[in-house]
N, C-alpha and C. Protein backbone atom coordinates (compact mmCIF):
# COMPACT_ATOMS: atom_id res chain seq x y z
N UNK A 1 0.78 -1.19 0.03
CA UNK A 1 -0.01 -0.01 -0.05
C UNK A 1 0.95 1.30 0.07
N UNK A 2 0.53 2.09 -0.97
CA UNK A 2 1.26 3.41 -0.97
C UNK A 2 0.85 4.37 0.20
N UNK A 3 1.87 5.10 0.61
CA UNK A 3 1.48 6.17 1.76
C UNK A 3 1.79 7.49 1.18
N UNK A 4 1.16 8.53 1.79
CA UNK A 4 1.33 9.89 1.64
C UNK A 4 0.61 10.47 0.39
N UNK A 5 1.00 11.63 -0.05
CA UNK A 5 0.38 12.30 -1.28
C UNK A 5 0.61 11.49 -2.60
N UNK A 6 1.62 10.78 -2.71
CA UNK A 6 1.78 9.96 -3.97
C UNK A 6 0.75 9.03 -4.14
N UNK A 7 0.06 8.53 -3.17
CA UNK A 7 -1.11 7.48 -3.37
C UNK A 7 -2.35 8.19 -3.68
N UNK A 8 -2.38 9.50 -3.65
CA UNK A 8 -3.55 10.18 -3.83
C UNK A 8 -3.76 10.52 -5.30
N UNK A 9 -4.91 10.09 -5.76
CA UNK A 9 -5.20 10.41 -7.26
C UNK A 9 -5.80 11.74 -7.38
N UNK A 10 -5.04 12.79 -7.62
CA UNK A 10 -5.49 14.12 -7.82
C UNK A 10 -5.71 14.44 -9.26
N UNK A 11 -6.36 13.66 -9.96
CA UNK A 11 -6.52 13.75 -11.41
C UNK A 11 -7.70 14.48 -11.76
N UNK A 12 -8.08 15.53 -10.96
CA UNK A 12 -9.26 16.37 -11.32
C UNK A 12 -8.91 17.23 -12.43
N UNK A 13 -9.79 17.24 -13.54
CA UNK A 13 -9.46 17.98 -14.78
C UNK A 13 -9.43 19.46 -14.41
N UNK A 14 -8.23 20.09 -14.91
CA UNK A 14 -8.08 21.44 -14.55
C UNK A 14 -8.97 22.44 -15.16
N UNK A 15 -9.64 22.00 -16.26
CA UNK A 15 -10.62 22.86 -16.89
C UNK A 15 -12.01 22.87 -16.09
N UNK A 16 -12.11 22.13 -15.10
CA UNK A 16 -13.30 22.02 -14.26
C UNK A 16 -13.01 22.75 -12.87
N UNK A 17 -11.89 23.38 -12.75
CA UNK A 17 -11.64 24.11 -11.48
C UNK A 17 -11.17 25.57 -11.80
N UNK A 18 -11.37 26.48 -10.96
CA UNK A 18 -10.98 27.84 -11.18
C UNK A 18 -10.71 28.51 -9.77
N UNK A 19 -9.51 29.19 -9.74
CA UNK A 19 -8.98 29.72 -8.58
C UNK A 19 -8.96 31.21 -8.76
N UNK A 20 -9.39 31.90 -7.70
CA UNK A 20 -9.46 33.46 -7.85
C UNK A 20 -8.89 34.10 -6.36
N UNK A 21 -8.29 35.17 -6.45
CA UNK A 21 -7.82 35.66 -5.12
C UNK A 21 -7.74 37.24 -5.15
N UNK A 22 -8.26 37.77 -4.06
CA UNK A 22 -8.24 39.19 -3.91
C UNK A 22 -7.95 39.30 -2.44
N UNK A 23 -6.66 39.70 -2.11
CA UNK A 23 -6.14 39.72 -0.69
C UNK A 23 -7.10 40.38 0.18
N UNK A 24 -7.46 39.85 1.30
CA UNK A 24 -6.95 38.69 2.04
C UNK A 24 -7.75 37.35 1.78
N UNK A 25 -8.67 37.43 0.80
CA UNK A 25 -9.50 36.31 0.47
C UNK A 25 -9.03 35.62 -0.77
N UNK A 26 -9.26 34.29 -0.93
CA UNK A 26 -9.24 33.58 -2.09
C UNK A 26 -10.34 32.49 -2.09
N UNK A 27 -10.59 32.00 -3.39
CA UNK A 27 -11.72 31.01 -3.45
C UNK A 27 -11.37 30.19 -4.72
N UNK A 28 -11.77 28.92 -4.56
CA UNK A 28 -11.68 27.85 -5.59
C UNK A 28 -13.05 27.31 -5.86
N UNK A 29 -13.24 27.21 -7.17
CA UNK A 29 -14.68 26.71 -7.63
C UNK A 29 -14.43 25.46 -8.41
N UNK A 30 -15.09 24.33 -8.05
CA UNK A 30 -14.95 23.13 -8.74
C UNK A 30 -16.27 22.69 -9.32
N UNK A 31 -16.39 22.45 -10.72
CA UNK A 31 -17.58 21.89 -11.30
C UNK A 31 -17.43 20.51 -11.57
N UNK A 32 -18.31 19.73 -10.95
CA UNK A 32 -18.22 18.27 -11.20
C UNK A 32 -18.87 17.84 -12.44
N UNK A 33 -18.08 17.21 -13.34
CA UNK A 33 -18.59 16.78 -14.63
C UNK A 33 -19.57 15.67 -14.47
N UNK A 34 -20.62 15.78 -15.29
CA UNK A 34 -21.72 14.82 -15.25
C UNK A 34 -22.62 14.81 -14.06
N UNK A 35 -22.39 15.90 -13.18
CA UNK A 35 -23.38 16.06 -12.09
C UNK A 35 -23.69 17.57 -12.10
N UNK A 36 -24.81 17.86 -11.46
CA UNK A 36 -25.22 19.13 -11.27
C UNK A 36 -24.86 19.74 -10.02
N UNK A 37 -23.43 19.76 -9.87
CA UNK A 37 -22.86 20.14 -8.51
C UNK A 37 -21.67 21.09 -8.79
N UNK A 38 -21.68 22.10 -7.95
CA UNK A 38 -20.53 23.08 -8.02
C UNK A 38 -20.13 23.27 -6.59
N UNK A 39 -18.92 23.06 -6.35
CA UNK A 39 -18.24 23.30 -5.09
C UNK A 39 -17.51 24.51 -4.91
N UNK A 40 -17.70 25.23 -3.78
CA UNK A 40 -16.91 26.53 -3.63
C UNK A 40 -16.20 26.44 -2.31
N UNK A 41 -14.89 26.75 -2.35
CA UNK A 41 -14.08 26.59 -1.22
C UNK A 41 -13.41 28.01 -1.09
N UNK A 42 -13.82 28.70 0.22
CA UNK A 42 -13.33 29.99 0.38
C UNK A 42 -12.25 29.95 1.47
N UNK A 43 -11.22 30.81 1.35
CA UNK A 43 -10.05 30.94 2.34
C UNK A 43 -9.82 32.30 2.71
N UNK A 44 -9.29 32.50 3.88
CA UNK A 44 -9.13 33.81 4.45
C UNK A 44 -7.76 33.80 5.02
N UNK A 45 -6.87 34.79 4.59
CA UNK A 45 -5.45 34.85 5.19
C UNK A 45 -5.55 35.42 6.60
N UNK A 46 -4.96 34.74 7.58
CA UNK A 46 -4.80 35.52 8.91
C UNK A 46 -3.76 36.38 9.07
N UNK A 47 -2.91 36.60 8.05
CA UNK A 47 -1.75 37.44 8.10
C UNK A 47 -2.02 38.84 7.67
N UNK A 48 -1.43 39.83 8.39
CA UNK A 48 -1.50 41.29 8.04
C UNK A 48 -0.26 41.59 7.40
N UNK A 49 -0.26 42.31 6.18
CA UNK A 49 0.94 42.52 5.51
C UNK A 49 1.87 43.44 6.21
N UNK A 50 3.20 43.09 6.25
CA UNK A 50 4.25 43.82 6.90
C UNK A 50 4.08 43.76 8.39
N UNK A 51 3.37 43.01 9.04
CA UNK A 51 3.19 42.95 10.43
C UNK A 51 3.52 41.51 10.86
N UNK A 52 4.83 41.15 10.60
CA UNK A 52 5.34 39.88 11.08
C UNK A 52 6.88 40.08 11.51
N UNK A 53 7.29 39.02 12.23
CA UNK A 53 8.67 39.15 12.76
C UNK A 53 9.40 37.93 12.07
N UNK A 54 10.72 38.11 11.66
CA UNK A 54 11.54 37.10 11.18
C UNK A 54 12.57 36.72 12.25
N UNK A 55 12.64 35.59 12.57
CA UNK A 55 13.70 35.16 13.61
C UNK A 55 14.81 34.44 13.15
């Protein structure tokens, strides 16, 4: 049995997915072929620009 990401079949057709971003938000839309389903995944960045420390 394969382990890790190599065993994951991520063969989702790229023409059925779309990524958009406008800081601090981004979203990805997936249209499932052959089904009447659209998935929308929204993300929000918790980081404030120029407000971080480098150690």
